[in-house]
Amino acid sequence: MSLSMQQTRERRKKRIRKKVSGTTERPRLTVFRSLKHIYAQVVDDVRSVTLASASSAVDKFPESGGRIKGAELVGKMVAEKAMGAGIKSVVFDRNGYIYHGRIKALAEGARAQGLNF
């Protein structure tokens, strides 16, 4: 049986989510990537609450939505919001995506702003 790319990503996602969970002290930074945009959220899984979020889908986003520079900017934006909420350390959930390109750029942008993971 041949699986599509979406099905293999869903399998990876389930496998990762068995091990990765966000707590109140160390929430989960999760990433979603579409063809045009990239989205990031900091989630407390214990309380089921989104603590901070950022995306390239806002109207006045300075870069083109889905590019690597745009992903890095989204990483910096979500890290600033998380730091403003008092969060210094997170668990990174790549959501089944391979760690390269836009996912890696978002992670490096968040680390550049001082977020630890």
C-alpha atoms as a PDB file:
ATOM      1  CA  MET A   1       0.000   0.000   0.000  1.00  0.00           C
ATOM      2  CA  SER A   2       1.412   3.344  -1.028  1.00  0.00           C
ATOM      3  CA  LEU A   3       0.788   6.254   1.311  1.00  0.00           C
ATOM      4  CA  SER A   4       0.481   9.876   0.283  1.00  0.00           C
ATOM      5  CA  MET A   5       2.754  12.549   1.748  1.00  0.00           C
ATOM      6  CA  GLN A   6      -0.114  13.774   3.930  1.00  0.00           C
ATOM      7  CA  GLN A   7      -0.704  10.283   5.331  1.00  0.00           C
ATOM      8  CA  THR A   8       2.980   9.779   6.150  1.00  0.00           C
ATOM      9  CA  ARG A   9       3.084  13.205   7.865  1.00  0.00           C
ATOM     10  CA  GLU A  10       0.020  12.259   9.931  1.00  0.00           C
ATOM     11  CA  ARG A  11       1.765   9.034  10.990  1.00  0.00           C
ATOM     12  CA  ARG A  12       4.891  10.956  12.015  1.00  0.00           C
ATOM     13  CA  LYS A  13       2.713  13.508  13.820  1.00  0.00           C
ATOM     14  CA  LYS A  14       0.970  10.817  15.898  1.00  0.00           C
ATOM     15  CA  ARG A  15       4.290   9.179  16.730  1.00  0.00           C
ATOM     16  CA  ILE A  16       5.781  12.502  17.860  1.00  0.00           C
ATOM     17  CA  ARG A  17       2.710  13.545  19.885  1.00  0.00           C
ATOM     18  CA  LYS A  18       2.929  10.336  21.948  1.00  0.00           C
ATOM     19  CA  LYS A  19       6.218  11.636  23.346  1.00  0.00           C
ATOM     20  CA  VAL A  20       5.888  15.448  23.182  1.00  0.00           C
ATOM     21  CA  SER A  21       3.497  17.205  25.541  1.00  0.00           C
ATOM     22  CA  GLY A  22       3.399  20.758  26.851  1.00  0.00           C
ATOM     23  CA  THR A  23       3.145  21.518  30.553  1.00  0.00           C
ATOM     24  CA  THR A  24       2.429  24.733  32.403  1.00  0.00           C
ATOM     25  CA  GLU A  25       6.151  25.238  33.127  1.00  0.00           C
ATOM     26  CA  ARG A  26       7.299  24.189  29.644  1.00  0.00           C
ATOM     27  CA  PRO A  27       4.572  24.550  27.002  1.00  0.00           C
ATOM     28  CA  ARG A  28       4.639  23.109  23.494  1.00  0.00           C
ATOM     29  CA  LEU A  29       5.604  25.250  20.479  1.00  0.00           C
ATOM     30  CA  THR A  30       3.713  23.720  17.572  1.00  0.00           C
ATOM     31  CA  VAL A  31       4.069  24.606  13.893  1.00  0.00           C
ATOM     32  CA  PHE A  32       1.681  24.296  10.951  1.00  0.00           C
ATOM     33  CA  ARG A  33       2.819  24.930   7.412  1.00  0.00           C
ATOM     34  CA  SER A  34       0.568  25.480   4.410  1.00  0.00           C
ATOM     35  CA  LEU A  35       1.595  26.248   0.855  1.00  0.00           C
ATOM     36  CA  LYS A  36       1.220  30.011   1.366  1.00  0.00           C
ATOM     37  CA  HIS A  37       1.654  30.594   5.096  1.00  0.00           C
ATOM     38  CA  ILE A  38       3.214  29.311   8.314  1.00  0.00           C
ATOM     39  CA  TYR A  39       1.604  29.327  11.764  1.00  0.00           C
ATOM     40  CA  ALA A  40       3.058  28.832  15.260  1.00  0.00           C
ATOM     41  CA  GLN A  41       1.374  28.420  18.651  1.00  0.00           C
ATOM     42  CA  VAL A  42       2.597  28.002  22.202  1.00  0.00           C
ATOM     43  CA  VAL A  43       0.183  25.578  23.878  1.00  0.00           C
ATOM     44  CA  ASP A  44      -0.271  24.448  27.481  1.00  0.00           C
ATOM     45  CA  ASP A  45      -1.621  20.898  27.034  1.00  0.00           C
ATOM     46  CA  VAL A  46      -2.490  20.475  30.717  1.00  0.00           C
ATOM     47  CA  ARG A  47      -5.004  23.336  30.651  1.00  0.00           C
ATOM     48  CA  SER A  48      -5.698  23.090  26.871  1.00  0.00           C
ATOM     49  CA  VAL A  49      -4.916  26.779  26.380  1.00  0.00           C
ATOM     50  CA  THR A  50      -3.042  28.638  23.641  1.00  0.00           C
ATOM     51  CA  LEU A  51      -0.646  31.027  25.378  1.00  0.00           C
ATOM     52  CA  ALA A  52       0.846  32.784  22.340  1.00  0.00           C
ATOM     53  CA  SER A  53       0.478  32.556  18.581  1.00  0.00           C
ATOM     54  CA  ALA A  54       1.789  34.141  15.391  1.00  0.00           C
ATOM     55  CA  SER A  55       1.349  33.570  11.683  1.00  0.00           C
ATOM     56  CA  SER A  56       2.289  34.947   8.305  1.00  0.00           C
ATOM     57  CA  ALA A  57      -1.401  35.182   7.338  1.00  0.00           C
ATOM     58  CA  VAL A  58      -1.910  38.621   8.927  1.00  0.00           C
ATOM     59  CA  ASP A  59      -2.697  41.548   6.620  1.00  0.00           C
ATOM     60  CA  LYS A  60       0.395  43.653   7.275  1.00  0.00           C
ATOM     61  CA  PHE A  61       3.009  40.892   7.309  1.00  0.00           C
ATOM     62  CA  PRO A  62       6.317  42.371   6.035  1.00  0.00           C
ATOM     63  CA  GLU A  63       7.583  39.303   4.115  1.00  0.00           C
ATOM     64  CA  SER A  64       5.868  37.089   1.600  1.00  0.00           C
ATOM     65  CA  GLY A  65       3.871  34.590   3.628  1.00  0.00           C
ATOM     66  CA  GLY A  66       5.452  31.201   3.175  1.00  0.00           C
ATOM     67  CA  ARG A  67       9.087  31.931   2.475  1.00  0.00           C
ATOM     68  CA  ILE A  68      12.019  31.129   4.761  1.00  0.00           C
ATOM     69  CA  LYS A  69      12.505  34.758   5.833  1.00  0.00           C
ATOM     70  CA  GLY A  70       8.795  34.925   6.606  1.00  0.00           C
ATOM     71  CA  ALA A  71       9.058  31.760   8.707  1.00  0.00           C
ATOM     72  CA  GLU A  72      11.985  33.224  10.620  1.00  0.00           C
ATOM     73  CA  LEU A  73       9.949  36.372  11.294  1.00  0.00           C
ATOM     74  CA  VAL A  74       7.017  34.279  12.563  1.00  0.00           C
ATOM     75  CA  GLY A  75       9.438  32.471  14.894  1.00  0.00           C
ATOM     76  CA  LYS A  76      10.660  35.793  16.254  1.00  0.00           C
ATOM     77  CA  MET A  77       7.097  37.078  16.655  1.00  0.00           C
ATOM     78  CA  VAL A  78       5.890  34.024  18.569  1.00  0.00           C
ATOM     79  CA  ALA A  79       9.005  34.093  20.768  1.00  0.00           C
ATOM     80  CA  GLU A  80       8.413  37.764  21.638  1.00  0.00           C
ATOM     81  CA  LYS A  81       4.795  37.040  22.560  1.00  0.00           C
ATOM     82  CA  ALA A  82       5.826  34.003  24.621  1.00  0.00           C
ATOM     83  CA  MET A  83       8.523  35.969  26.445  1.00  0.00           C
ATOM     84  CA  GLY A  84       5.942  38.677  27.124  1.00  0.00           C
ATOM     85  CA  ALA A  85       3.722  36.011  28.697  1.00  0.00           C
ATOM     86  CA  GLY A  86       6.622  34.894  30.920  1.00  0.00           C
ATOM     87  CA  ILE A  87       7.581  31.759  28.968  1.00  0.00           C
ATOM     88  CA  LYS A  88      11.307  31.191  28.547  1.00  0.00           C
ATOM     89  CA  SER A  89      11.468  27.480  27.708  1.00  0.00           C
ATOM     90  CA  VAL A  90       9.295  25.367  25.384  1.00  0.00           C
ATOM     91  CA  VAL A  91       9.112  21.904  23.838  1.00  0.00           C
ATOM     92  CA  PHE A  92       9.308  22.049  20.023  1.00  0.00           C
ATOM     93  CA  ASP A  93       6.623  20.104  18.127  1.00  0.00           C
ATOM     94  CA  ARG A  94       7.434  20.051  14.431  1.00  0.00           C
ATOM     95  CA  ASN A  95       3.996  18.497  13.796  1.00  0.00           C
ATOM     96  CA  GLY A  96       5.256  15.701  11.551  1.00  0.00           C
ATOM     97  CA  TYR A  97       7.202  17.985   9.221  1.00  0.00           C
ATOM     98  CA  ILE A  98      10.844  17.262   8.497  1.00  0.00           C
ATOM     99  CA  TYR A  99      13.193  19.641  10.359  1.00  0.00           C
ATOM    100  CA  HIS A 100      14.554  21.710   7.462  1.00  0.00           C
ATOM    101  CA  GLY A 101      13.594  24.722   5.388  1.00  0.00           C
ATOM    102  CA  ARG A 102      10.760  26.788   6.823  1.00  0.00           C
ATOM    103  CA  ILE A 103      10.388  24.682   9.984  1.00  0.00           C
ATOM    104  CA  LYS A 104      14.083  25.060  10.781  1.00  0.00           C
ATOM    105  CA  ALA A 105      13.976  28.805  10.009  1.00  0.00           C
ATOM    106  CA  LEU A 106      11.033  29.283  12.398  1.00  0.00           C
ATOM    107  CA  ALA A 107      12.869  27.390  15.157  1.00  0.00           C
ATOM    108  CA  GLU A 108      16.069  29.389  14.638  1.00  0.00           C
ATOM    109  CA  GLY A 109      14.110  32.655  14.654  1.00  0.00           C
ATOM    110  CA  ALA A 110      12.504  31.733  17.977  1.00  0.00           C
ATOM    111  CA  ARG A 111      15.889  30.757  19.429  1.00  0.00           C
ATOM    112  CA  ALA A 112      17.379  34.062  18.245  1.00  0.00           C
ATOM    113  CA  GLN A 113      14.800  35.924  20.342  1.00  0.00           C
ATOM    114  CA  GLY A 114      15.839  33.983  23.462  1.00  0.00           C
ATOM    115  CA  LEU A 115      13.346  31.108  23.588  1.00  0.00           C
ATOM    116  CA  ASN A 116      14.980  27.874  24.850  1.00  0.00           C
ATOM    117  CA  PHE A 117      14.204  24.423  23.435  1.00  0.00           C
END
